[in-house]
Amino acid sequence: MKRHLVKSFAAALIAAGTFAATPAKAEEVYFIRGFMNVFSAGMDQMAAQLRARGVNAKSYSNGAWSGLANSIIKRNREGKVSYPIVIAGHSVGGQEAPQFANALAKAGIPVALVIGVDPGFAPPPTFNAGSPRVINYWIKGSARGNPYRAGGGFSGSITNINIRDFGSTVDHVGIDKDPKVQSRIISNVLAVVGR
């Protein structure tokens, strides 16, 4: 009898350990900082807030997008990409977000959502494929931020939201750190990842 109980208990522990080791849905959320990585601390803050909620979110330097895209493309061939994929970029990182999304789409990898945070300084490239949903929080009329635009082949939706319309008064450097903007971005991401 004791042996039977021990075997049953051991089997239950093994089953519980196996169940606990099964990974949860591990989406990939990429925050791309702006020029020099100095003025985009809000991107790091939002990635940390999402990680605290169990979301697989990380922030990266601007300029890292092509290396990240190549890594995702390689991992996709190996069946090691977690979905959905979300890309968010501030300033120069916001300029790079369309390139990042377009590169993944060209490789047949879907991007669920792209979020711009006052993409600047020059107008960002158009979305030629990229994502079915693009949201851009920007400061209309400022010298730095720009709207997102659709290019040939894009069939998704682009929503450019002037942050002045919901009472935010920050500038280009402060937009990613503004609690009003951050809460909207966090909500956008959580809605896509199902949390």
N, C-alpha and C. Protein backbone atom coordinates (compact mmCIF):
# COMPACT_ATOMS: atom_id res chain seq x y z
N MET A 1 0.83 -1.20 0.00
CA MET A 1 0.00 0.00 0.00
C MET A 1 0.87 1.25 0.00
N LYS A 2 1.92 1.22 0.88
CA LYS A 2 2.81 2.38 0.94
C LYS A 2 3.47 2.63 -0.42
N ARG A 3 3.91 1.53 -1.04
CA ARG A 3 4.56 1.65 -2.34
C ARG A 3 3.62 2.27 -3.37
N HIS A 4 2.38 1.86 -3.36
CA HIS A 4 1.39 2.39 -4.28
C HIS A 4 1.17 3.89 -4.06
N LEU A 5 1.10 4.30 -2.78
CA LEU A 5 0.94 5.72 -2.46
C LEU A 5 2.15 6.54 -2.91
N VAL A 6 3.34 5.99 -2.67
CA VAL A 6 4.56 6.69 -3.07
C VAL A 6 4.60 6.85 -4.59
N LYS A 7 4.26 5.76 -5.33
CA LYS A 7 4.24 5.84 -6.79
C LYS A 7 3.20 6.85 -7.28
N SER A 8 2.03 6.83 -6.65
CA SER A 8 0.98 7.77 -7.04
C SER A 8 1.40 9.20 -6.76
N PHE A 9 2.02 9.41 -5.60
CA PHE A 9 2.49 10.73 -5.23
C PHE A 9 3.58 11.21 -6.20
N ALA A 10 4.52 10.31 -6.53
CA ALA A 10 5.60 10.65 -7.46
C ALA A 10 5.03 10.99 -8.84
N ALA A 11 4.06 10.19 -9.28
CA ALA A 11 3.43 10.46 -10.58
C ALA A 11 2.73 11.82 -10.58
N ALA A 12 2.07 12.14 -9.47
CA ALA A 12 1.39 13.43 -9.36
C ALA A 12 2.39 14.58 -9.39
N LEU A 13 3.53 14.41 -8.70
CA LEU A 13 4.56 15.46 -8.71
C LEU A 13 5.14 15.65 -10.11
N ILE A 14 5.40 14.54 -10.79
CA ILE A 14 5.94 14.64 -12.15
C ILE A 14 4.95 15.34 -13.06
N ALA A 15 3.68 14.94 -12.95
CA ALA A 15 2.64 15.58 -13.78
C ALA A 15 2.53 17.06 -13.47
N ALA A 16 2.57 17.41 -12.19
CA ALA A 16 2.48 18.82 -11.80
C ALA A 16 3.68 19.60 -12.31
N GLY A 17 4.87 18.99 -12.21
CA GLY A 17 6.08 19.65 -12.70
C GLY A 17 6.04 19.84 -14.19
N THR A 18 5.53 18.85 -14.90
CA THR A 18 5.42 18.96 -16.35
C THR A 18 4.44 20.05 -16.72
N PHE A 19 3.33 20.12 -16.04
CA PHE A 19 2.32 21.13 -16.31
C PHE A 19 2.88 22.52 -16.03
N ALA A 20 3.58 22.65 -14.89
CA ALA A 20 4.13 23.95 -14.51
C ALA A 20 5.21 24.41 -15.49
N ALA A 21 5.90 23.44 -16.12
CA ALA A 21 6.98 23.80 -17.03
C ALA A 21 6.45 24.21 -18.41
N THR A 22 5.18 23.97 -18.69
CA THR A 22 4.62 24.35 -19.98
C THR A 22 4.59 25.87 -20.08
N PRO A 23 5.27 26.43 -21.08
CA PRO A 23 5.32 27.89 -21.15
C PRO A 23 3.97 28.51 -21.48
N ALA A 24 3.74 29.65 -20.89
CA ALA A 24 2.53 30.42 -21.21
C ALA A 24 2.75 31.10 -22.56
N LYS A 25 1.70 31.66 -23.09
CA LYS A 25 1.80 32.42 -24.34
C LYS A 25 2.84 33.51 -24.14
N ALA A 26 3.84 33.54 -24.98
CA ALA A 26 4.94 34.50 -24.81
C ALA A 26 5.05 35.39 -26.03
N GLU A 27 4.18 36.38 -26.10
CA GLU A 27 4.21 37.36 -27.18
C GLU A 27 5.56 38.06 -27.22
N GLU A 28 5.80 38.80 -28.29
CA GLU A 28 7.04 39.56 -28.42
C GLU A 28 6.68 41.03 -28.65
N VAL A 29 7.02 41.88 -27.67
CA VAL A 29 6.72 43.31 -27.75
C VAL A 29 8.05 44.05 -27.75
N TYR A 30 8.28 44.83 -28.80
CA TYR A 30 9.54 45.54 -29.01
C TYR A 30 9.32 47.04 -28.89
N PHE A 31 10.02 47.67 -27.93
CA PHE A 31 10.01 49.13 -27.79
C PHE A 31 11.35 49.64 -28.32
N ILE A 32 11.30 50.56 -29.28
CA ILE A 32 12.52 51.12 -29.89
C ILE A 32 12.67 52.57 -29.44
N ARG A 33 13.80 52.85 -28.77
CA ARG A 33 14.05 54.19 -28.24
C ARG A 33 14.49 55.15 -29.35
N GLY A 34 14.48 56.43 -29.02
CA GLY A 34 14.88 57.47 -29.95
C GLY A 34 16.38 57.73 -29.95
N PHE A 35 16.75 58.82 -30.59
CA PHE A 35 18.14 59.20 -30.81
C PHE A 35 18.97 59.17 -29.54
N MET A 36 20.12 58.53 -29.60
CA MET A 36 21.11 58.45 -28.53
C MET A 36 20.62 57.72 -27.27
N ASN A 37 19.44 57.17 -27.28
CA ASN A 37 18.91 56.42 -26.12
C ASN A 37 18.79 57.26 -24.86
N VAL A 38 18.87 58.57 -24.98
CA VAL A 38 18.86 59.44 -23.81
C VAL A 38 17.46 59.97 -23.51
N PHE A 39 16.70 60.24 -24.54
CA PHE A 39 15.45 60.96 -24.37
C PHE A 39 14.21 60.06 -24.39
N SER A 40 14.40 58.76 -24.35
CA SER A 40 13.27 57.83 -24.49
C SER A 40 13.12 56.89 -23.30
N ALA A 41 13.36 57.40 -22.10
CA ALA A 41 13.24 56.55 -20.90
C ALA A 41 11.83 56.01 -20.73
N GLY A 42 10.84 56.69 -21.29
CA GLY A 42 9.46 56.21 -21.20
C GLY A 42 9.26 54.88 -21.90
N MET A 43 10.04 54.60 -22.94
CA MET A 43 9.94 53.32 -23.63
C MET A 43 10.39 52.20 -22.69
N ASP A 44 11.47 52.46 -21.93
CA ASP A 44 11.93 51.50 -20.93
C ASP A 44 10.87 51.32 -19.84
N GLN A 45 10.26 52.43 -19.42
CA GLN A 45 9.22 52.37 -18.38
C GLN A 45 8.04 51.52 -18.81
N MET A 46 7.58 51.72 -20.05
CA MET A 46 6.42 50.95 -20.52
C MET A 46 6.76 49.47 -20.67
N ALA A 47 7.96 49.16 -21.15
CA ALA A 47 8.37 47.75 -21.25
C ALA A 47 8.38 47.12 -19.86
N ALA A 48 8.89 47.86 -18.86
CA ALA A 48 8.93 47.34 -17.48
C ALA A 48 7.51 47.16 -16.92
N GLN A 49 6.62 48.11 -17.20
CA GLN A 49 5.23 47.99 -16.73
C GLN A 49 4.57 46.75 -17.32
N LEU A 50 4.82 46.50 -18.59
CA LEU A 50 4.23 45.32 -19.23
C LEU A 50 4.84 44.03 -18.69
N ARG A 51 6.15 44.02 -18.47
CA ARG A 51 6.79 42.83 -17.89
C ARG A 51 6.21 42.52 -16.52
N ALA A 52 5.91 43.57 -15.74
CA ALA A 52 5.32 43.38 -14.42
C ALA A 52 3.95 42.71 -14.52
N ARG A 53 3.31 42.81 -15.68
CA ARG A 53 2.01 42.17 -15.91
C ARG A 53 2.16 40.83 -16.64
N GLY A 54 3.40 40.37 -16.77
CA GLY A 54 3.64 39.08 -17.39
C GLY A 54 3.78 39.09 -18.89
N VAL A 55 3.94 40.28 -19.48
CA VAL A 55 4.07 40.40 -20.94
C VAL A 55 5.55 40.38 -21.30
N ASN A 56 5.90 39.67 -22.35
CA ASN A 56 7.27 39.59 -22.84
C ASN A 56 7.59 40.86 -23.63
N ALA A 57 8.05 41.90 -22.94
CA ALA A 57 8.32 43.20 -23.55
C ALA A 57 9.74 43.65 -23.22
N LYS A 58 10.43 44.18 -24.23
CA LYS A 58 11.80 44.67 -24.03
C LYS A 58 11.98 45.96 -24.82
N SER A 59 12.94 46.79 -24.37
CA SER A 59 13.25 48.01 -25.12
C SER A 59 14.65 47.91 -25.70
N TYR A 60 14.83 48.56 -26.85
CA TYR A 60 16.07 48.46 -27.60
C TYR A 60 16.49 49.84 -28.10
N SER A 61 17.77 49.95 -28.45
CA SER A 61 18.30 51.17 -29.05
C SER A 61 17.75 51.36 -30.45
N ASN A 62 17.61 52.63 -30.85
CA ASN A 62 17.28 52.84 -32.26
C ASN A 62 18.46 52.32 -33.06
N GLY A 63 18.18 51.90 -34.26
CA GLY A 63 19.21 51.28 -35.09
C GLY A 63 19.26 49.77 -34.94
N ALA A 64 18.62 49.24 -33.89
CA ALA A 64 18.64 47.79 -33.65
C ALA A 64 17.58 47.06 -34.46
N TRP A 65 16.67 47.80 -35.09
CA TRP A 65 15.52 47.15 -35.72
C TRP A 65 15.90 46.11 -36.77
N SER A 66 16.93 46.37 -37.59
CA SER A 66 17.25 45.41 -38.66
C SER A 66 17.82 44.12 -38.09
N GLY A 67 18.64 44.23 -37.05
CA GLY A 67 19.15 43.03 -36.39
C GLY A 67 18.03 42.24 -35.72
N LEU A 68 17.10 42.97 -35.10
CA LEU A 68 15.94 42.31 -34.49
C LEU A 68 15.10 41.62 -35.55
N ALA A 69 14.86 42.31 -36.67
CA ALA A 69 14.07 41.72 -37.76
C ALA A 69 14.74 40.46 -38.29
N ASN A 70 16.05 40.53 -38.50
CA ASN A 70 16.77 39.35 -39.00
C ASN A 70 16.69 38.19 -38.02
N SER A 71 16.78 38.49 -36.72
CA SER A 71 16.66 37.44 -35.70
C SER A 71 15.27 36.81 -35.72
N ILE A 72 14.24 37.64 -35.83
CA ILE A 72 12.87 37.13 -35.86
C ILE A 72 12.66 36.26 -37.11
N ILE A 73 13.18 36.72 -38.25
CA ILE A 73 13.03 35.96 -39.49
C ILE A 73 13.72 34.60 -39.36
N LYS A 74 14.92 34.58 -38.79
CA LYS A 74 15.65 33.32 -38.58
C LYS A 74 14.88 32.42 -37.62
N ARG A 75 14.44 32.97 -36.50
CA ARG A 75 13.70 32.16 -35.51
C ARG A 75 12.38 31.66 -36.08
N ASN A 76 11.77 32.45 -36.96
CA ASN A 76 10.52 32.02 -37.57
C ASN A 76 10.73 30.76 -38.41
N ARG A 77 11.85 30.71 -39.14
CA ARG A 77 12.18 29.51 -39.94
C ARG A 77 12.33 28.29 -39.04
N GLU A 78 12.76 28.51 -37.80
CA GLU A 78 12.96 27.42 -36.84
C GLU A 78 11.72 27.17 -35.99
N GLY A 79 10.65 27.91 -36.25
CA GLY A 79 9.42 27.75 -35.46
C GLY A 79 9.54 28.25 -34.04
N LYS A 80 10.38 29.27 -33.82
CA LYS A 80 10.65 29.74 -32.46
C LYS A 80 10.19 31.17 -32.20
N VAL A 81 9.28 31.67 -33.01
CA VAL A 81 8.75 33.02 -32.79
C VAL A 81 7.44 32.92 -32.03
N SER A 82 7.27 33.79 -31.06
CA SER A 82 6.02 33.84 -30.29
C SER A 82 5.15 34.96 -30.83
N TYR A 83 3.88 34.70 -30.91
CA TYR A 83 2.93 35.69 -31.44
C TYR A 83 1.93 36.06 -30.37
N PRO A 84 1.36 37.25 -30.44
CA PRO A 84 1.51 38.27 -31.47
C PRO A 84 2.79 39.09 -31.29
N ILE A 85 3.19 39.73 -32.37
CA ILE A 85 4.34 40.65 -32.35
C ILE A 85 3.79 42.07 -32.36
N VAL A 86 4.36 42.90 -31.46
CA VAL A 86 3.99 44.32 -31.38
C VAL A 86 5.28 45.13 -31.45
N ILE A 87 5.26 46.22 -32.21
CA ILE A 87 6.41 47.12 -32.32
C ILE A 87 5.96 48.52 -31.93
N ALA A 88 6.74 49.17 -31.05
CA ALA A 88 6.46 50.56 -30.67
C ALA A 88 7.76 51.35 -30.74
N GLY A 89 7.72 52.55 -31.33
CA GLY A 89 8.93 53.34 -31.45
C GLY A 89 8.70 54.81 -31.16
N HIS A 90 9.66 55.42 -30.45
CA HIS A 90 9.60 56.85 -30.13
C HIS A 90 10.62 57.61 -30.97
N SER A 91 10.23 58.74 -31.52
CA SER A 91 11.12 59.64 -32.24
C SER A 91 11.81 58.91 -33.40
N VAL A 92 13.13 58.78 -33.37
CA VAL A 92 13.84 58.05 -34.41
C VAL A 92 13.40 56.58 -34.41
N GLY A 93 13.13 56.04 -33.22
CA GLY A 93 12.59 54.68 -33.14
C GLY A 93 11.23 54.57 -33.82
N GLY A 94 10.47 55.66 -33.78
CA GLY A 94 9.19 55.69 -34.47
C GLY A 94 9.35 55.76 -35.98
N GLN A 95 10.45 56.37 -36.42
CA GLN A 95 10.77 56.36 -37.86
C GLN A 95 11.13 54.95 -38.31
N GLU A 96 11.77 54.20 -37.43
CA GLU A 96 12.23 52.85 -37.78
C GLU A 96 11.12 51.81 -37.71
N ALA A 97 10.06 52.08 -36.96
CA ALA A 97 8.99 51.10 -36.78
C ALA A 97 8.37 50.64 -38.10
N PRO A 98 8.07 51.54 -39.07
CA PRO A 98 7.54 51.06 -40.35
C PRO A 98 8.52 50.16 -41.10
N GLN A 99 9.82 50.49 -41.04
CA GLN A 99 10.82 49.66 -41.70
C GLN A 99 10.85 48.26 -41.08
N PHE A 100 10.81 48.20 -39.76
CA PHE A 100 10.81 46.95 -39.00
C PHE A 100 9.59 46.12 -39.40
N ALA A 101 8.42 46.72 -39.35
CA ALA A 101 7.18 46.00 -39.68
C ALA A 101 7.15 45.57 -41.14
N ASN A 102 7.58 46.45 -42.05
CA ASN A 102 7.60 46.11 -43.47
C ASN A 102 8.55 44.95 -43.76
N ALA A 103 9.72 44.94 -43.09
CA ALA A 103 10.70 43.86 -43.29
C ALA A 103 10.11 42.52 -42.84
N LEU A 104 9.42 42.52 -41.70
CA LEU A 104 8.82 41.27 -41.22
C LEU A 104 7.70 40.82 -42.15
N ALA A 105 6.87 41.76 -42.59
CA ALA A 105 5.77 41.41 -43.50
C ALA A 105 6.30 40.84 -44.81
N LYS A 106 7.39 41.41 -45.31
CA LYS A 106 8.00 40.91 -46.55
C LYS A 106 8.44 39.46 -46.40
N ALA A 107 8.82 39.07 -45.17
CA ALA A 107 9.23 37.70 -44.88
C ALA A 107 8.05 36.81 -44.50
N GLY A 108 6.83 37.37 -44.57
CA GLY A 108 5.64 36.59 -44.25
C GLY A 108 5.34 36.47 -42.77
N ILE A 109 5.91 37.37 -41.97
CA ILE A 109 5.72 37.33 -40.52
C ILE A 109 4.75 38.44 -40.13
N PRO A 110 3.60 38.08 -39.55
CA PRO A 110 2.61 39.10 -39.20
C PRO A 110 3.01 39.91 -37.97
N VAL A 111 2.74 41.19 -38.03
CA VAL A 111 2.92 42.09 -36.90
C VAL A 111 1.52 42.56 -36.52
N ALA A 112 1.10 42.25 -35.30
CA ALA A 112 -0.28 42.54 -34.89
C ALA A 112 -0.56 44.02 -34.74
N LEU A 113 0.44 44.78 -34.26
CA LEU A 113 0.23 46.20 -33.96
C LEU A 113 1.55 46.94 -34.04
N VAL A 114 1.51 48.14 -34.61
CA VAL A 114 2.64 49.06 -34.58
C VAL A 114 2.16 50.33 -33.91
N ILE A 115 2.95 50.84 -32.96
CA ILE A 115 2.62 52.07 -32.25
C ILE A 115 3.76 53.07 -32.45
N GLY A 116 3.42 54.24 -32.95
CA GLY A 116 4.39 55.32 -33.06
C GLY A 116 4.20 56.29 -31.92
N VAL A 117 5.31 56.85 -31.45
CA VAL A 117 5.27 57.85 -30.40
C VAL A 117 6.04 59.06 -30.94
N ASP A 118 5.30 59.96 -31.60
CA ASP A 118 5.84 61.17 -32.21
C ASP A 118 7.07 60.86 -33.09
N PRO A 119 6.88 60.07 -34.15
CA PRO A 119 8.01 59.72 -35.02
C PRO A 119 8.64 60.97 -35.61
N GLY A 120 9.92 61.09 -35.51
CA GLY A 120 10.61 62.26 -36.02
C GLY A 120 12.06 61.92 -36.23
N PHE A 121 12.74 62.72 -36.77
CA PHE A 121 12.63 64.11 -37.13
C PHE A 121 12.13 64.25 -38.57
N ALA A 122 12.60 63.44 -39.45
CA ALA A 122 12.09 63.43 -40.83
C ALA A 122 10.83 62.58 -40.88
N PRO A 123 10.01 62.77 -41.89
CA PRO A 123 8.83 61.91 -42.03
C PRO A 123 9.24 60.44 -42.12
N PRO A 124 8.55 59.56 -41.41
CA PRO A 124 8.89 58.14 -41.45
C PRO A 124 8.52 57.52 -42.80
N PRO A 125 9.14 56.39 -43.13
CA PRO A 125 8.75 55.69 -44.35
C PRO A 125 7.28 55.28 -44.27
N THR A 126 6.70 55.03 -45.42
CA THR A 126 5.30 54.59 -45.44
C THR A 126 5.22 53.11 -45.05
N PHE A 127 4.02 52.71 -44.65
CA PHE A 127 3.74 51.30 -44.41
C PHE A 127 3.32 50.71 -45.75
N ASN A 128 4.09 49.74 -46.23
CA ASN A 128 3.76 49.09 -47.49
C ASN A 128 3.09 47.74 -47.27
N ALA A 129 3.25 47.21 -46.11
CA ALA A 129 2.60 45.96 -45.69
C ALA A 129 2.48 46.10 -44.19
N GLY A 130 3.47 45.62 -43.49
CA GLY A 130 3.62 45.92 -42.07
C GLY A 130 2.63 45.28 -41.13
N SER A 131 1.55 45.93 -40.85
CA SER A 131 0.65 45.52 -39.78
C SER A 131 -0.79 45.86 -40.16
N PRO A 132 -1.73 45.05 -39.68
CA PRO A 132 -3.13 45.40 -39.96
C PRO A 132 -3.60 46.62 -39.16
N ARG A 133 -2.85 46.94 -38.08
CA ARG A 133 -3.27 48.05 -37.22
C ARG A 133 -2.07 48.89 -36.82
N VAL A 134 -2.14 50.18 -37.09
CA VAL A 134 -1.08 51.11 -36.75
C VAL A 134 -1.71 52.28 -35.99
N ILE A 135 -1.13 52.61 -34.84
CA ILE A 135 -1.58 53.75 -34.04
C ILE A 135 -0.38 54.65 -33.82
N ASN A 136 -0.56 55.94 -34.03
CA ASN A 136 0.52 56.89 -33.83
C ASN A 136 0.06 58.01 -32.90
N TYR A 137 0.74 58.13 -31.76
CA TYR A 137 0.50 59.24 -30.83
C TYR A 137 1.52 60.31 -31.17
N TRP A 138 1.04 61.44 -31.64
CA TRP A 138 1.96 62.48 -32.08
C TRP A 138 1.47 63.85 -31.68
N ILE A 139 2.34 64.85 -31.88
CA ILE A 139 2.01 66.23 -31.56
C ILE A 139 1.85 66.97 -32.88
N LYS A 140 0.62 67.16 -33.28
CA LYS A 140 0.34 67.82 -34.55
C LYS A 140 0.87 69.25 -34.52
N GLY A 141 1.56 69.63 -35.58
CA GLY A 141 2.07 70.99 -35.68
C GLY A 141 3.42 71.21 -35.03
N SER A 142 3.99 70.18 -34.41
CA SER A 142 5.31 70.37 -33.81
C SER A 142 6.37 70.22 -34.89
N ALA A 143 7.55 70.71 -34.61
CA ALA A 143 8.63 70.66 -35.59
C ALA A 143 9.23 69.27 -35.71
N ARG A 144 8.96 68.38 -34.76
CA ARG A 144 9.65 67.09 -34.76
C ARG A 144 8.77 65.91 -35.14
N GLY A 145 7.56 65.83 -34.63
CA GLY A 145 6.73 64.65 -34.85
C GLY A 145 6.08 64.63 -36.22
N ASN A 146 5.74 63.44 -36.65
CA ASN A 146 5.13 63.25 -37.96
C ASN A 146 4.03 62.21 -37.91
N PRO A 147 3.06 62.32 -38.81
CA PRO A 147 2.04 61.27 -38.89
C PRO A 147 2.58 60.06 -39.65
N TYR A 148 1.94 58.92 -39.44
CA TYR A 148 2.23 57.74 -40.24
C TYR A 148 1.35 57.77 -41.48
N ARG A 149 1.84 57.19 -42.58
CA ARG A 149 1.11 57.17 -43.84
C ARG A 149 1.16 55.78 -44.46
N ALA A 150 0.14 55.47 -45.22
CA ALA A 150 0.09 54.21 -45.95
C ALA A 150 0.76 54.37 -47.30
N GLY A 151 1.45 53.33 -47.73
CA GLY A 151 2.03 53.29 -49.06
C GLY A 151 1.34 52.21 -49.87
N GLY A 152 1.86 51.96 -51.05
CA GLY A 152 1.29 50.93 -51.91
C GLY A 152 1.36 49.56 -51.26
N GLY A 153 0.26 48.82 -51.33
CA GLY A 153 0.22 47.48 -50.77
C GLY A 153 -0.26 47.40 -49.34
N PHE A 154 -0.44 48.55 -48.69
CA PHE A 154 -0.89 48.53 -47.29
C PHE A 154 -2.41 48.45 -47.25
N SER A 155 -2.91 47.47 -46.50
CA SER A 155 -4.37 47.29 -46.42
C SER A 155 -4.90 47.41 -45.00
N GLY A 156 -4.04 47.78 -44.06
CA GLY A 156 -4.47 47.91 -42.67
C GLY A 156 -5.05 49.29 -42.39
N SER A 157 -5.17 49.59 -41.10
CA SER A 157 -5.68 50.90 -40.69
C SER A 157 -4.57 51.67 -39.97
N ILE A 158 -4.51 52.96 -40.24
CA ILE A 158 -3.56 53.85 -39.56
C ILE A 158 -4.37 54.92 -38.86
N THR A 159 -4.16 55.05 -37.56
CA THR A 159 -4.83 56.07 -36.76
C THR A 159 -3.77 56.99 -36.17
N ASN A 160 -3.73 58.23 -36.61
CA ASN A 160 -2.82 59.24 -36.06
C ASN A 160 -3.60 60.03 -35.03
N ILE A 161 -3.16 59.96 -33.77
CA ILE A 161 -3.87 60.61 -32.67
C ILE A 161 -3.04 61.79 -32.15
N ASN A 162 -3.57 62.99 -32.29
CA ASN A 162 -2.92 64.18 -31.76
C ASN A 162 -3.12 64.17 -30.24
N ILE A 163 -2.03 64.09 -29.48
CA ILE A 163 -2.15 63.97 -28.02
C ILE A 163 -2.78 65.21 -27.39
N ARG A 164 -2.80 66.32 -28.08
CA ARG A 164 -3.46 67.52 -27.56
C ARG A 164 -4.97 67.28 -27.44
N ASP A 165 -5.50 66.39 -28.27
CA ASP A 165 -6.94 66.10 -28.26
C ASP A 165 -7.40 65.42 -26.98
N PHE A 166 -6.48 64.77 -26.24
CA PHE A 166 -6.88 64.19 -24.95
C PHE A 166 -6.18 64.86 -23.78
N GLY A 167 -5.73 66.10 -23.98
CA GLY A 167 -5.27 66.93 -22.88
C GLY A 167 -3.80 66.83 -22.51
N SER A 168 -3.01 66.12 -23.28
CA SER A 168 -1.58 66.05 -22.97
C SER A 168 -0.91 67.33 -23.46
N THR A 169 -0.03 67.88 -22.63
CA THR A 169 0.65 69.14 -22.97
C THR A 169 2.16 68.98 -23.10
N VAL A 170 2.66 67.76 -23.10
CA VAL A 170 4.10 67.53 -23.15
C VAL A 170 4.66 67.82 -24.55
N ASP A 171 5.99 67.86 -24.62
CA ASP A 171 6.66 68.08 -25.90
C ASP A 171 7.21 66.75 -26.43
N HIS A 172 7.99 66.84 -27.50
CA HIS A 172 8.54 65.65 -28.16
C HIS A 172 9.38 64.80 -27.21
N VAL A 173 10.18 65.45 -26.37
CA VAL A 173 11.06 64.72 -25.45
C VAL A 173 10.26 64.07 -24.32
N GLY A 174 9.14 64.67 -23.94
CA GLY A 174 8.36 64.15 -22.82
C GLY A 174 7.22 63.22 -23.18
N ILE A 175 6.90 63.10 -24.47
CA ILE A 175 5.69 62.38 -24.86
C ILE A 175 5.70 60.92 -24.40
N ASP A 176 6.84 60.25 -24.49
CA ASP A 176 6.88 58.83 -24.12
C ASP A 176 6.82 58.61 -22.61
N LYS A 177 7.04 59.67 -21.84
CA LYS A 177 7.00 59.58 -20.37
C LYS A 177 5.68 60.08 -19.79
N ASP A 178 4.82 60.65 -20.61
CA ASP A 178 3.55 61.20 -20.16
C ASP A 178 2.61 60.07 -19.73
N PRO A 179 2.12 60.09 -18.48
CA PRO A 179 1.22 59.03 -18.01
C PRO A 179 -0.03 58.85 -18.88
N LYS A 180 -0.54 59.95 -19.45
CA LYS A 180 -1.74 59.84 -20.31
C LYS A 180 -1.42 59.04 -21.58
N VAL A 181 -0.27 59.30 -22.15
CA VAL A 181 0.14 58.58 -23.36
C VAL A 181 0.50 57.14 -23.01
N GLN A 182 1.27 56.97 -21.93
CA GLN A 182 1.68 55.63 -21.53
C GLN A 182 0.48 54.73 -21.26
N SER A 183 -0.53 55.24 -20.56
CA SER A 183 -1.68 54.39 -20.23
C SER A 183 -2.40 53.94 -21.49
N ARG A 184 -2.48 54.80 -22.48
CA ARG A 184 -3.12 54.42 -23.75
C ARG A 184 -2.30 53.36 -24.48
N ILE A 185 -0.99 53.53 -24.50
CA ILE A 185 -0.14 52.56 -25.18
C ILE A 185 -0.19 51.21 -24.47
N ILE A 186 -0.11 51.23 -23.15
CA ILE A 186 -0.19 49.97 -22.38
C ILE A 186 -1.52 49.29 -22.67
N SER A 187 -2.61 50.03 -22.69
CA SER A 187 -3.93 49.46 -23.00
C SER A 187 -3.97 48.88 -24.41
N ASN A 188 -3.38 49.58 -25.37
CA ASN A 188 -3.33 49.07 -26.75
C ASN A 188 -2.61 47.73 -26.81
N VAL A 189 -1.46 47.66 -26.14
CA VAL A 189 -0.67 46.42 -26.16
C VAL A 189 -1.42 45.30 -25.45
N LEU A 190 -1.96 45.58 -24.26
CA LEU A 190 -2.67 44.54 -23.51
C LEU A 190 -3.87 44.00 -24.29
N ALA A 191 -4.55 44.86 -25.02
CA ALA A 191 -5.69 44.41 -25.82
C ALA A 191 -5.25 43.42 -26.90
N VAL A 192 -4.08 43.66 -27.48
CA VAL A 192 -3.58 42.79 -28.55
C VAL A 192 -3.07 41.46 -28.00
N VAL A 193 -2.40 41.51 -26.85
CA VAL A 193 -1.83 40.26 -26.30
C VAL A 193 -2.84 39.48 -25.47
N GLY A 194 -4.03 40.03 -25.32
CA GLY A 194 -5.09 39.30 -24.64
C GLY A 194 -5.00 39.27 -23.14
N ARG A 195 -4.58 40.39 -22.56
CA ARG A 195 -4.49 40.44 -21.10
C ARG A 195 -5.34 41.57 -20.58
